[in-house]
C-alpha atoms as a PDB file:
ATOM      1  CA  MET A   1       7.615   9.362  16.450  1.00  0.00           C
ATOM      2  CA  ASN A   2      10.417   7.907  14.518  1.00  0.00           C
ATOM      3  CA  TYR A   3       8.892   5.171  12.362  1.00  0.00           C
ATOM      4  CA  ARG A   4      10.864   2.199  11.108  1.00  0.00           C
ATOM      5  CA  HIS A   5       9.043  -0.181   8.993  1.00  0.00           C
ATOM      6  CA  ALA A   6      11.463  -3.016   9.633  1.00  0.00           C
ATOM      7  CA  PHE A   7       9.670  -3.626  12.965  1.00  0.00           C
ATOM      8  CA  HIS A   8       6.272  -4.084  11.241  1.00  0.00           C
ATOM      9  CA  ALA A   9       7.074  -5.703   7.852  1.00  0.00           C
ATOM     10  CA  GLY A  10       4.729  -8.476   6.806  1.00  0.00           C
ATOM     11  CA  ASN A  11       2.142  -7.605   9.503  1.00  0.00           C
ATOM     12  CA  PHE A  12      -1.642  -7.712   8.734  1.00  0.00           C
ATOM     13  CA  ALA A  13      -1.521  -4.085   7.433  1.00  0.00           C
ATOM     14  CA  ASP A  14       1.030  -5.068   4.935  1.00  0.00           C
ATOM     15  CA  VAL A  15      -0.880  -8.041   3.792  1.00  0.00           C
ATOM     16  CA  PHE A  16      -4.042  -6.121   3.419  1.00  0.00           C
ATOM     17  CA  LYS A  17      -2.367  -3.231   1.617  1.00  0.00           C
ATOM     18  CA  HIS A  18      -0.378  -5.323  -0.739  1.00  0.00           C
ATOM     19  CA  ILE A  19      -3.267  -7.632  -1.706  1.00  0.00           C
ATOM     20  CA  VAL A  20      -5.190  -4.484  -2.772  1.00  0.00           C
ATOM     21  CA  LEU A  21      -2.107  -3.102  -4.452  1.00  0.00           C
ATOM     22  CA  THR A  22      -1.820  -6.396  -6.449  1.00  0.00           C
ATOM     23  CA  LEU A  23      -5.437  -6.043  -7.538  1.00  0.00           C
ATOM     24  CA  LEU A  24      -4.822  -2.546  -8.756  1.00  0.00           C
ATOM     25  CA  LEU A  25      -1.635  -3.341 -10.697  1.00  0.00           C
ATOM     26  CA  LYS A  26      -3.310  -6.482 -12.229  1.00  0.00           C
ATOM     27  CA  SER A  27      -6.127  -4.249 -13.459  1.00  0.00           C
ATOM     28  CA  LEU A  28      -3.621  -2.229 -15.326  1.00  0.00           C
ATOM     29  CA  HIS A  29      -2.729  -5.359 -17.205  1.00  0.00           C
ATOM     30  CA  ARG A  30      -6.042  -5.281 -18.971  1.00  0.00           C
ATOM     31  CA  LYS A  31      -4.601  -2.950 -21.720  1.00  0.00           C
ATOM     32  CA  ASP A  32      -1.322  -3.480 -23.476  1.00  0.00           C
ATOM     33  CA  THR A  33      -0.360   0.145 -23.287  1.00  0.00           C
ATOM     34  CA  PRO A  34       2.261   1.030 -20.782  1.00  0.00           C
ATOM     35  CA  PHE A  35       1.610   2.341 -17.264  1.00  0.00           C
ATOM     36  CA  CYS A  36       3.570   4.155 -14.661  1.00  0.00           C
ATOM     37  CA  TYR A  37       3.656   3.349 -10.957  1.00  0.00           C
ATOM     38  CA  LEU A  38       4.557   6.051  -8.495  1.00  0.00           C
ATOM     39  CA  ASP A  39       5.416   5.409  -4.863  1.00  0.00           C
ATOM     40  CA  THR A  40       5.622   8.488  -2.704  1.00  0.00           C
ATOM     41  CA  HIS A  41       7.083   6.870   0.446  1.00  0.00           C
ATOM     42  CA  ALA A  42       8.888   3.756  -0.970  1.00  0.00           C
ATOM     43  CA  GLY A  43      10.908   2.700   2.087  1.00  0.00           C
ATOM     44  CA  ALA A  44      13.825   0.178   1.827  1.00  0.00           C
ATOM     45  CA  GLY A  45      12.150  -2.073  -0.770  1.00  0.00           C
ATOM     46  CA  ARG A  46      12.674  -5.415   1.206  1.00  0.00           C
ATOM     47  CA  TYR A  47      12.820  -6.485   4.843  1.00  0.00           C
ATOM     48  CA  ASP A  48      14.613  -9.383   6.517  1.00  0.00           C
ATOM     49  CA  LEU A  49      12.229 -11.094   8.835  1.00  0.00           C
ATOM     50  CA  THR A  50      15.037 -12.706  10.771  1.00  0.00           C
ATOM     51  CA  SER A  51      16.501  -9.308  11.641  1.00  0.00           C
ATOM     52  CA  GLU A  52      16.500  -8.079  15.215  1.00  0.00           C
ATOM     53  CA  ALA A  53      13.875  -5.489  14.501  1.00  0.00           C
ATOM     54  CA  ALA A  54      11.338  -7.969  12.943  1.00  0.00           C
ATOM     55  CA  GLN A  55      12.014 -10.532  15.609  1.00  0.00           C
ATOM     56  CA  LYS A  56      11.457  -7.985  18.387  1.00  0.00           C
ATOM     57  CA  THR A  57       7.795  -7.418  17.508  1.00  0.00           C
ATOM     58  CA  GLY A  58       7.105 -10.677  15.552  1.00  0.00           C
ATOM     59  CA  GLU A  59       4.219  -8.905  13.845  1.00  0.00           C
ATOM     60  CA  TYR A  60       4.799 -10.871  10.644  1.00  0.00           C
ATOM     61  CA  ARG A  61       3.750 -14.091  12.391  1.00  0.00           C
ATOM     62  CA  ASP A  62       0.143 -12.784  12.574  1.00  0.00           C
ATOM     63  CA  GLY A  63       0.422 -11.547   8.981  1.00  0.00           C
ATOM     64  CA  ILE A  64       2.232 -13.083   6.092  1.00  0.00           C
ATOM     65  CA  GLN A  65       3.246 -16.117   8.160  1.00  0.00           C
ATOM     66  CA  ARG A  66      -0.489 -17.148   8.434  1.00  0.00           C
ATOM     67  CA  LEU A  67      -0.829 -17.128   4.640  1.00  0.00           C
ATOM     68  CA  TRP A  68       2.429 -18.840   3.670  1.00  0.00           C
ATOM     69  CA  ASP A  69       1.269 -22.401   3.623  1.00  0.00           C
ATOM     70  CA  ILE A  70      -2.464 -21.954   2.813  1.00  0.00           C
ATOM     71  CA  ASN A  71      -4.361 -23.020  -0.203  1.00  0.00           C
ATOM     72  CA  PRO A  72      -4.823 -19.465  -1.585  1.00  0.00           C
ATOM     73  CA  SER A  73      -7.617 -17.857  -3.449  1.00  0.00           C
ATOM     74  CA  PRO A  74      -6.632 -16.481  -6.907  1.00  0.00           C
ATOM     75  CA  GLU A  75      -6.224 -12.996  -5.484  1.00  0.00           C
ATOM     76  CA  GLN A  76      -4.091 -14.307  -2.639  1.00  0.00           C
ATOM     77  CA  ALA A  77      -2.128 -16.466  -5.094  1.00  0.00           C
ATOM     78  CA  ASP A  78      -1.111 -13.452  -7.225  1.00  0.00           C
ATOM     79  CA  TYR A  79       0.039 -11.508  -3.976  1.00  0.00           C
ATOM     80  CA  LEU A  80       1.879 -14.563  -2.610  1.00  0.00           C
ATOM     81  CA  ALA A  81       3.571 -15.113  -5.905  1.00  0.00           C
ATOM     82  CA  ALA A  82       5.177 -11.611  -5.538  1.00  0.00           C
ATOM     83  CA  VAL A  83       6.206 -12.415  -1.952  1.00  0.00           C
ATOM     84  CA  ARG A  84       7.617 -15.862  -2.969  1.00  0.00           C
ATOM     85  CA  ALA A  85       9.716 -14.058  -5.674  1.00  0.00           C
ATOM     86  CA  SER A  86      11.698 -12.511  -2.772  1.00  0.00           C
ATOM     87  CA  ASN A  87      12.297 -15.936  -1.173  1.00  0.00           C
ATOM     88  CA  ALA A  88      13.927 -18.078  -3.699  1.00  0.00           C
ATOM     89  CA  ASP A  89      14.558 -21.016  -1.497  1.00  0.00           C
ATOM     90  CA  GLY A  90      10.856 -21.418  -0.619  1.00  0.00           C
ATOM     91  CA  ALA A  91      11.293 -20.484   3.085  1.00  0.00           C
ATOM     92  CA  LEU A  92       9.755 -17.212   4.346  1.00  0.00           C
ATOM     93  CA  ARG A  93      12.658 -14.967   5.235  1.00  0.00           C
ATOM     94  CA  TYR A  94      12.184 -11.727   3.268  1.00  0.00           C
ATOM     95  CA  TYR A  95       9.067  -9.539   3.018  1.00  0.00           C
ATOM     96  CA  PRO A  96       9.015  -7.301  -0.111  1.00  0.00           C
ATOM     97  CA  GLY A  97       7.970  -3.679   0.377  1.00  0.00           C
ATOM     98  CA  SER A  98       5.561  -2.070  -2.067  1.00  0.00           C
ATOM     99  CA  PRO A  99       8.361  -1.281  -4.561  1.00  0.00           C
ATOM    100  CA  ALA A 100       9.172  -5.020  -4.863  1.00  0.00           C
ATOM    101  CA  ILE A 101       5.574  -5.974  -5.053  1.00  0.00           C
ATOM    102  CA  ALA A 102       5.018  -3.427  -7.860  1.00  0.00           C
ATOM    103  CA  ARG A 103       8.163  -4.473  -9.706  1.00  0.00           C
ATOM    104  CA  TYR A 104       6.969  -7.991  -9.810  1.00  0.00           C
ATOM    105  CA  PHE A 105       3.879  -6.847 -11.777  1.00  0.00           C
ATOM    106  CA  LEU A 106       5.686  -4.523 -14.193  1.00  0.00           C
ATOM    107  CA  ARG A 107       5.640  -5.662 -17.854  1.00  0.00           C
ATOM    108  CA  PRO A 108       8.607  -4.775 -20.152  1.00  0.00           C
ATOM    109  CA  GLN A 109       6.777  -1.660 -21.333  1.00  0.00           C
ATOM    110  CA  ASP A 110       5.951  -0.401 -17.857  1.00  0.00           C
ATOM    111  CA  ARG A 111       8.088   1.589 -15.363  1.00  0.00           C
ATOM    112  CA  MET A 112       7.973   2.904 -11.847  1.00  0.00           C
ATOM    113  CA  VAL A 113       9.145   5.874  -9.912  1.00  0.00           C
ATOM    114  CA  LEU A 114      10.215   5.432  -6.288  1.00  0.00           C
ATOM    115  CA  LEU A 115      10.546   8.405  -3.926  1.00  0.00           C
ATOM    116  CA  GLU A 116      12.134   8.101  -0.456  1.00  0.00           C
ATOM    117  CA  LEU A 117      13.343  10.991   1.689  1.00  0.00           C
ATOM    118  CA  GLN A 118      15.042   9.171   4.562  1.00  0.00           C
ATOM    119  CA  LYS A 119      18.757   8.673   3.848  1.00  0.00           C
ATOM    120  CA  ASP A 120      19.295   5.132   5.149  1.00  0.00           C
ATOM    121  CA  GLU A 121      16.067   3.837   3.545  1.00  0.00           C
ATOM    122  CA  PHE A 122      16.976   5.447   0.348  1.00  0.00           C
ATOM    123  CA  SER A 123      20.409   3.885   0.216  1.00  0.00           C
ATOM    124  CA  LEU A 124      18.905   0.416   0.740  1.00  0.00           C
ATOM    125  CA  LEU A 125      16.272   1.078  -1.912  1.00  0.00           C
ATOM    126  CA  GLN A 126      18.844   2.355  -4.396  1.00  0.00           C
ATOM    127  CA  ALA A 127      20.989  -0.765  -3.904  1.00  0.00           C
ATOM    128  CA  ARG A 128      17.974  -2.967  -4.385  1.00  0.00           C
ATOM    129  CA  PHE A 129      17.158  -1.663  -7.868  1.00  0.00           C
ATOM    130  CA  THR A 130      20.669  -0.742  -9.141  1.00  0.00           C
ATOM    131  CA  GLY A 131      20.848  -1.264 -12.888  1.00  0.00           C
ATOM    132  CA  ASP A 132      17.101  -1.672 -13.431  1.00  0.00           C
ATOM    133  CA  ARG A 133      16.232   0.543 -16.334  1.00  0.00           C
ATOM    134  CA  GLN A 134      12.495   0.316 -15.547  1.00  0.00           C
ATOM    135  CA  VAL A 135      12.976   1.914 -12.172  1.00  0.00           C
ATOM    136  CA  VAL A 136      13.578   5.603 -11.373  1.00  0.00           C
ATOM    137  CA  ILE A 137      14.637   6.257  -7.727  1.00  0.00           C
ATOM    138  CA  GLN A 138      14.921   9.747  -6.114  1.00  0.00           C
ATOM    139  CA  GLN A 139      15.742  10.929  -2.617  1.00  0.00           C
ATOM    140  CA  GLN A 140      12.879  13.399  -2.443  1.00  0.00           C
ATOM    141  CA  ASP A 141       9.835  14.377  -0.396  1.00  0.00           C
ATOM    142  CA  GLY A 142       6.954  12.334  -1.654  1.00  0.00           C
ATOM    143  CA  TYR A 143       4.395  15.148  -1.758  1.00  0.00           C
ATOM    144  CA  ALA A 144       6.820  17.353  -3.790  1.00  0.00           C
ATOM    145  CA  GLY A 145       7.133  14.326  -6.084  1.00  0.00           C
ATOM    146  CA  LEU A 146       3.442  14.390  -6.851  1.00  0.00           C
ATOM    147  CA  LYS A 147       3.754  17.587  -8.642  1.00  0.00           C
ATOM    148  CA  ALA A 148       7.222  16.757 -10.115  1.00  0.00           C
ATOM    149  CA  TYR A 149       6.312  13.428 -11.719  1.00  0.00           C
ATOM    150  CA  LEU A 150       2.644  13.780 -12.777  1.00  0.00           C
ATOM    151  CA  PRO A 151       1.190  13.487 -15.149  1.00  0.00           C
ATOM    152  CA  PRO A 152       3.454  10.613 -16.406  1.00  0.00           C
ATOM    153  CA  SER A 153       4.154  10.254 -20.071  1.00  0.00           C
ATOM    154  CA  GLU A 154       2.438   6.862 -20.167  1.00  0.00           C
ATOM    155  CA  LYS A 155      -0.903   8.492 -19.382  1.00  0.00           C
ATOM    156  CA  ARG A 156      -1.979   5.362 -17.443  1.00  0.00           C
ATOM    157  CA  GLY A 157      -0.962   4.179 -14.046  1.00  0.00           C
ATOM    158  CA  MET A 158      -1.269   4.555 -10.263  1.00  0.00           C
ATOM    159  CA  VAL A 159       0.126   6.288  -7.324  1.00  0.00           C
ATOM    160  CA  LEU A 160       0.535   4.793  -3.809  1.00  0.00           C
ATOM    161  CA  ILE A 161       0.592   7.288  -0.921  1.00  0.00           C
ATOM    162  CA  ASP A 162       1.709   5.297   2.140  1.00  0.00           C
ATOM    163  CA  PRO A 163       3.559   7.687   4.602  1.00  0.00           C
ATOM    164  CA  PRO A 164       4.947   6.716   8.041  1.00  0.00           C
ATOM    165  CA  TYR A 165       2.428   8.933   9.942  1.00  0.00           C
ATOM    166  CA  GLU A 166       5.177  10.377  12.147  1.00  0.00           C
ATOM    167  CA  SER A 167       2.983  13.383  12.966  1.00  0.00           C
ATOM    168  CA  ASP A 168      -0.785  14.330  12.905  1.00  0.00           C
ATOM    169  CA  ARG A 169      -0.004  16.769  10.066  1.00  0.00           C
ATOM    170  CA  GLU A 170       0.270  13.665   7.661  1.00  0.00           C
ATOM    171  CA  TYR A 171      -3.455  13.488   7.050  1.00  0.00           C
ATOM    172  CA  GLY A 172      -3.643  17.144   5.869  1.00  0.00           C
ATOM    173  CA  GLN A 173      -0.555  16.659   3.688  1.00  0.00           C
ATOM    174  CA  ILE A 174      -2.118  13.654   2.024  1.00  0.00           C
ATOM    175  CA  ALA A 175      -5.331  15.499   1.165  1.00  0.00           C
ATOM    176  CA  ALA A 176      -3.483  18.470  -0.132  1.00  0.00           C
ATOM    177  CA  GLY A 177      -1.090  16.306  -2.111  1.00  0.00           C
ATOM    178  CA  LEU A 178      -3.950  14.289  -3.579  1.00  0.00           C
ATOM    179  CA  LYS A 179      -5.675  17.515  -4.658  1.00  0.00           C
ATOM    180  CA  VAL A 180      -2.508  18.676  -6.395  1.00  0.00           C
ATOM    181  CA  ALA A 181      -1.945  15.375  -8.063  1.00  0.00           C
ATOM    182  CA  HIS A 182      -5.591  14.908  -9.181  1.00  0.00           C
ATOM    183  CA  ASP A 183      -5.628  18.421 -10.692  1.00  0.00           C
ATOM    184  CA  ARG A 184      -2.557  17.368 -12.772  1.00  0.00           C
ATOM    185  CA  TRP A 185      -3.643  13.844 -13.569  1.00  0.00           C
ATOM    186  CA  SER A 186      -7.353  13.271 -12.999  1.00  0.00           C
ATOM    187  CA  SER A 187      -7.452   9.843 -14.682  1.00  0.00           C
ATOM    188  CA  GLY A 188      -4.846   8.089 -12.495  1.00  0.00           C
ATOM    189  CA  ILE A 189      -5.549   5.571  -9.844  1.00  0.00           C
ATOM    190  CA  TYR A 190      -4.593   6.764  -6.332  1.00  0.00           C
ATOM    191  CA  ALA A 191      -4.373   4.486  -3.266  1.00  0.00           C
ATOM    192  CA  LEU A 192      -4.016   6.253   0.165  1.00  0.00           C
ATOM    193  CA  TRP A 193      -3.164   3.988   3.102  1.00  0.00           C
ATOM    194  CA  TYR A 194      -3.833   5.027   6.730  1.00  0.00           C
ATOM    195  CA  PRO A 195      -3.594   3.415  10.088  1.00  0.00           C
ATOM    196  CA  VAL A 196      -6.581   3.009  12.410  1.00  0.00           C
ATOM    197  CA  LYS A 197      -5.985   3.513  16.112  1.00  0.00           C
ATOM    198  CA  ALA A 198      -8.574   6.017  17.307  1.00  0.00           C
ATOM    199  CA  ARG A 199     -11.583   6.840  15.186  1.00  0.00           C
ATOM    200  CA  PRO A 200     -11.811  10.688  15.532  1.00  0.00           C
ATOM    201  CA  PRO A 201      -8.671  11.377  13.478  1.00  0.00           C
ATOM    202  CA  ILE A 202      -9.935   9.026  10.722  1.00  0.00           C
ATOM    203  CA  ASP A 203     -13.304  10.730  10.562  1.00  0.00           C
ATOM    204  CA  ARG A 204     -11.591  14.133  10.233  1.00  0.00           C
ATOM    205  CA  PHE A 205      -9.305  12.686   7.483  1.00  0.00           C
ATOM    206  CA  HIS A 206     -12.301  11.413   5.587  1.00  0.00           C
ATOM    207  CA  ARG A 207     -14.083  14.762   5.817  1.00  0.00           C
ATOM    208  CA  THR A 208     -10.927  16.382   4.531  1.00  0.00           C
ATOM    209  CA  LEU A 209     -10.779  14.190   1.511  1.00  0.00           C
ATOM    210  CA  VAL A 210     -14.465  14.760   0.777  1.00  0.00           C
ATOM    211  CA  ALA A 211     -13.823  18.524   0.922  1.00  0.00           C
ATOM    212  CA  THR A 212     -11.317  18.247  -1.987  1.00  0.00           C
ATOM    213  CA  GLY A 213     -14.270  17.732  -4.397  1.00  0.00           C
ATOM    214  CA  ILE A 214     -12.621  14.715  -5.885  1.00  0.00           C
ATOM    215  CA  ARG A 215     -15.075  12.084  -6.958  1.00  0.00           C
ATOM    216  CA  LYS A 216     -14.959   8.259  -7.162  1.00  0.00           C
ATOM    217  CA  MET A 217     -13.332   7.462  -3.721  1.00  0.00           C
ATOM    218  CA  LEU A 218     -13.790   3.870  -2.585  1.00  0.00           C
ATOM    219  CA  LEU A 219     -13.004   3.122   0.996  1.00  0.00           C
ATOM    220  CA  ALA A 220     -11.927  -0.177   2.414  1.00  0.00           C
ATOM    221  CA  GLU A 221     -10.938  -0.916   6.042  1.00  0.00           C
ATOM    222  CA  PHE A 222      -9.528  -4.073   7.693  1.00  0.00           C
ATOM    223  CA  ALA A 223      -9.302  -4.329  11.513  1.00  0.00           C
ATOM    224  CA  PRO A 224      -8.334  -7.638  13.088  1.00  0.00           C
ATOM    225  CA  TYR A 225      -8.639  -5.898  16.503  1.00  0.00           C
ATOM    226  CA  PRO A 226     -11.558  -3.953  17.999  1.00  0.00           C
ATOM    227  CA  GLU A 227     -11.190  -0.268  18.236  1.00  0.00           C
ATOM    228  CA  ASP A 228     -10.988  -0.240  22.053  1.00  0.00           C
ATOM    229  CA  SER A 229      -7.438   1.045  22.382  1.00  0.00           C
ATOM    230  CA  SER A 230      -5.582   3.934  20.837  1.00  0.00           C
ATOM    231  CA  PHE A 231      -2.281   2.373  21.896  1.00  0.00           C
ATOM    232  CA  ARG A 232      -1.999  -0.220  19.206  1.00  0.00           C
ATOM    233  CA  LEU A 233      -2.750  -0.541  15.608  1.00  0.00           C
ATOM    234  CA  ASN A 234      -6.230  -1.967  15.434  1.00  0.00           C
ATOM    235  CA  GLY A 235      -6.662  -1.873  11.831  1.00  0.00           C
ATOM    236  CA  CYS A 236      -5.917   0.200   8.612  1.00  0.00           C
ATOM    237  CA  GLY A 237      -7.654   1.505   5.580  1.00  0.00           C
ATOM    238  CA  LEU A 238      -7.263   2.325   1.969  1.00  0.00           C
ATOM    239  CA  VAL A 239      -8.973   5.020  -0.015  1.00  0.00           C
ATOM    240  CA  VAL A 240      -8.845   4.318  -3.625  1.00  0.00           C
ATOM    241  CA  VAL A 241      -9.601   7.046  -6.132  1.00  0.00           C
ATOM    242  CA  ASN A 242     -10.688   5.986  -9.597  1.00  0.00           C
ATOM    243  CA  PRO A 243     -11.057   2.306  -8.622  1.00  0.00           C
ATOM    244  CA  PRO A 244     -10.953  -0.110 -11.487  1.00  0.00           C
ATOM    245  CA  TRP A 245     -14.004  -1.903 -12.641  1.00  0.00           C
ATOM    246  CA  LYS A 246     -15.266  -4.587 -10.256  1.00  0.00           C
ATOM    247  CA  LEU A 247     -12.804  -3.697  -7.472  1.00  0.00           C
ATOM    248  CA  GLU A 248     -15.599  -2.960  -5.099  1.00  0.00           C
ATOM    249  CA  ASP A 249     -17.245  -6.373  -5.658  1.00  0.00           C
ATOM    250  CA  THR A 250     -13.899  -8.165  -5.388  1.00  0.00           C
ATOM    251  CA  LEU A 251     -13.006  -6.504  -2.087  1.00  0.00           C
ATOM    252  CA  ARG A 252     -16.415  -7.268  -0.656  1.00  0.00           C
ATOM    253  CA  ARG A 253     -15.784 -10.906  -1.507  1.00  0.00           C
ATOM    254  CA  ILE A 254     -12.123 -11.441  -0.480  1.00  0.00           C
ATOM    255  CA  LEU A 255     -11.718  -9.190   2.614  1.00  0.00           C
ATOM    256  CA  PRO A 256     -13.990 -11.259   4.835  1.00  0.00           C
ATOM    257  CA  GLN A 257     -12.016 -14.319   3.819  1.00  0.00           C
ATOM    258  CA  LEU A 258      -8.810 -12.553   4.674  1.00  0.00           C
ATOM    259  CA  LEU A 259     -10.247 -11.492   7.985  1.00  0.00           C
ATOM    260  CA  ASP A 260     -10.900 -15.125   8.910  1.00  0.00           C
ATOM    261  CA  LEU A 261      -7.233 -15.864   8.421  1.00  0.00           C
ATOM    262  CA  LEU A 262      -5.935 -12.851  10.333  1.00  0.00           C
ATOM    263  CA  ARG A 263      -8.531 -12.274  12.965  1.00  0.00           C
ATOM    264  CA  GLN A 264      -7.297 -11.423  16.539  1.00  0.00           C
ATOM    265  CA  HIS A 265     -10.655 -10.827  18.204  1.00  0.00           C
ATOM    266  CA  PRO A 266     -14.345 -11.719  17.804  1.00  0.00           C
ATOM    267  CA  ASP A 267     -15.081  -8.085  17.106  1.00  0.00           C
ATOM    268  CA  ALA A 268     -12.755  -7.868  14.306  1.00  0.00           C
ATOM    269  CA  ARG A 269     -14.302  -6.254  11.167  1.00  0.00           C
ATOM    270  CA  THR A 270     -13.838  -5.290   7.566  1.00  0.00           C
ATOM    271  CA  GLY A 271     -15.905  -3.000   5.379  1.00  0.00           C
ATOM    272  CA  VAL A 272     -16.082  -1.550   1.899  1.00  0.00           C
ATOM    273  CA  SER A 273     -18.087   1.608   1.091  1.00  0.00           C
ATOM    274  CA  TRP A 274     -17.979   4.760  -1.088  1.00  0.00           C
ATOM    275  CA  LEU A 275     -16.460   7.683   0.631  1.00  0.00           C
ATOM    276  CA  VAL A 276     -17.449   9.715  -2.470  1.00  0.00           C
ATOM    277  CA  PRO A 277     -19.422   8.164  -5.331  1.00  0.00           C
ATOM    278  CA  GLU A 278     -18.948   8.726  -8.903  1.00  0.00           C
END
């Protein structure tokens, strides 16, 4: 499968992922010392929702479009502020990828490292952040980058691992990459995103993560559709290693609210649990 995120930008999976990303980045603001954000599969950085690709699927209409004019909760407001920063005239046209979301929450003392292997996506990403001294961009395999860039000199920070899942090997690569990264930098926050279509591959992925021996893995899943078809994206999940204080409680509170906004079926669900406790 050749994945292009332009077809899916701003969909429910992006909204869920980026709200959690916002919570993680905001948690790093609790201390004045600098932090580093590393994105292993950064993508293009921003997506035009009026493009042919976005209009062909229209997935953003059941995602960010549903939140655009609501009275947001504080957590939603922080996320929406980052999205609005990419839409200066107040109309929803552009959806920021994870790099743009993260850049919005960098303070002057912080920095980020963006890795993207695909040539066209890398070129767009590079153009987006040209001249930004707080941003390092490399055309590089994201899993190799975990070894190359960790631990960061800042000592604090987080890593987002959000690959395109173009093959079933991706699950094993994530687990192996996480083990390498955690061995080098055990105190970092790691967020691993995955799609939910059929349940058996996800169960195997979870068992593989448990087998790494890494502790403190919080699991959050968000599924606007029932898991009755393997031919669509029914939901998605995030595994957060070393979750910040109160993240579990916050997710238990806000994800049902988000599901009410993005629900597609009566059997939609969300859940938060410990894959591996402390």
